[in-house]
Amino acid sequence: MDIRTTSLSYNFDSEGNTTSVTVSLSGQGGSDYINANMSVTAEDLTDGQTFDNLTMKDITTIARAKLAKATAIKE
């Protein structure tokens, strides 16, 4: 399924620090489709990563990984 990023929204605290980034993802494959908003938070970042040093592509990659994990079928 081809998943596309449809929007990216930065969320800030009262001091202007990024607290999370919401990534909207959408995809369709045949008769199946998905729409999801994934919130990337500081807990999703690895050591040394901050919102200030991540590109939009980096954040989207994290959001896609979260979506894959959230939608994986558990046996």
Protein backbone atom coordinates (compact mmCIF):
# COMPACT_ATOMS: atom_id res chain seq x y z
CA MET A 1 0.00 0.00 0.00
CA ASP A 2 1.32 3.42 -0.92
CA ILE A 3 1.23 5.60 2.22
CA ARG A 4 1.55 9.34 1.70
CA THR A 5 2.15 12.14 4.16
CA THR A 6 -0.69 14.64 3.90
CA SER A 7 0.30 17.07 6.66
CA LEU A 8 2.80 17.73 9.41
CA SER A 9 1.95 19.88 12.43
CA TYR A 10 4.39 20.99 15.12
CA ASN A 11 3.05 21.41 18.67
CA PHE A 12 4.79 23.80 21.08
CA ASP A 13 4.79 24.49 24.82
CA SER A 14 4.40 27.97 26.33
CA GLU A 15 8.15 28.58 25.94
CA GLY A 16 8.20 27.77 22.23
CA ASN A 17 9.79 24.33 22.55
CA THR A 18 8.51 21.56 20.28
CA THR A 19 6.61 19.02 22.37
CA SER A 20 5.40 16.76 19.56
CA VAL A 21 4.77 16.59 15.85
CA THR A 22 1.52 15.24 14.42
CA VAL A 23 1.92 13.52 11.06
CA SER A 24 -1.16 12.76 8.97
CA LEU A 25 -0.77 9.71 6.73
CA SER A 26 -3.12 8.35 4.09
CA GLY A 27 -2.98 5.38 1.78
CA GLN A 28 -5.00 3.18 -0.52
CA GLY A 29 -4.34 -0.23 -1.99
CA GLY A 30 -7.17 -1.74 -4.00
CA SER A 31 -10.28 -1.64 -1.85
CA ASP A 32 -8.29 -1.13 1.35
CA TYR A 33 -7.49 2.32 2.70
CA ILE A 34 -6.06 3.93 5.80
CA ASN A 35 -6.04 7.42 7.28
CA ALA A 36 -4.02 8.01 10.43
CA ASN A 37 -2.69 10.82 12.58
CA MET A 38 0.48 9.73 14.35
CA SER A 39 1.91 11.84 17.16
CA VAL A 40 5.70 11.75 17.35
CA THR A 41 6.81 12.64 20.88
CA ALA A 42 10.19 12.90 22.60
CA GLU A 43 9.77 9.28 23.78
CA ASP A 44 9.86 8.17 20.12
CA LEU A 45 13.27 9.76 19.50
CA THR A 46 16.53 7.89 19.92
CA ASP A 47 19.47 9.08 22.01
CA GLY A 48 20.93 12.26 20.58
CA GLN A 49 17.85 13.12 18.54
CA THR A 50 15.86 16.27 19.24
CA PHE A 51 13.06 17.87 17.30
CA ASP A 52 15.48 20.67 16.48
CA ASN A 53 17.88 18.38 14.59
CA LEU A 54 15.35 16.21 12.75
CA THR A 55 14.17 16.91 9.23
CA MET A 56 10.55 16.52 8.16
CA LYS A 57 11.63 13.32 6.38
CA ASP A 58 13.12 11.97 9.63
CA ILE A 59 9.93 12.72 11.54
CA THR A 60 7.80 11.13 8.82
CA THR A 61 9.96 7.99 8.96
CA ILE A 62 9.35 7.73 12.72
CA ALA A 63 5.60 8.26 12.20
CA ARG A 64 5.47 5.57 9.51
CA ALA A 65 7.24 3.12 11.82
CA LYS A 66 4.72 3.90 14.57
CA LEU A 67 1.86 3.34 12.11
CA ALA A 68 3.32 0.00 10.99
CA LYS A 69 3.65 -1.12 14.62
CA ALA A 70 0.16 0.10 15.52
CA THR A 71 -1.47 -1.71 12.61
CA ALA A 72 0.53 -4.95 12.73
CA ILE A 73 -1.59 -8.04 13.19
CA LYS A 74 -0.80 -9.80 16.45
CA GLU A 75 -1.22 -13.55 16.44
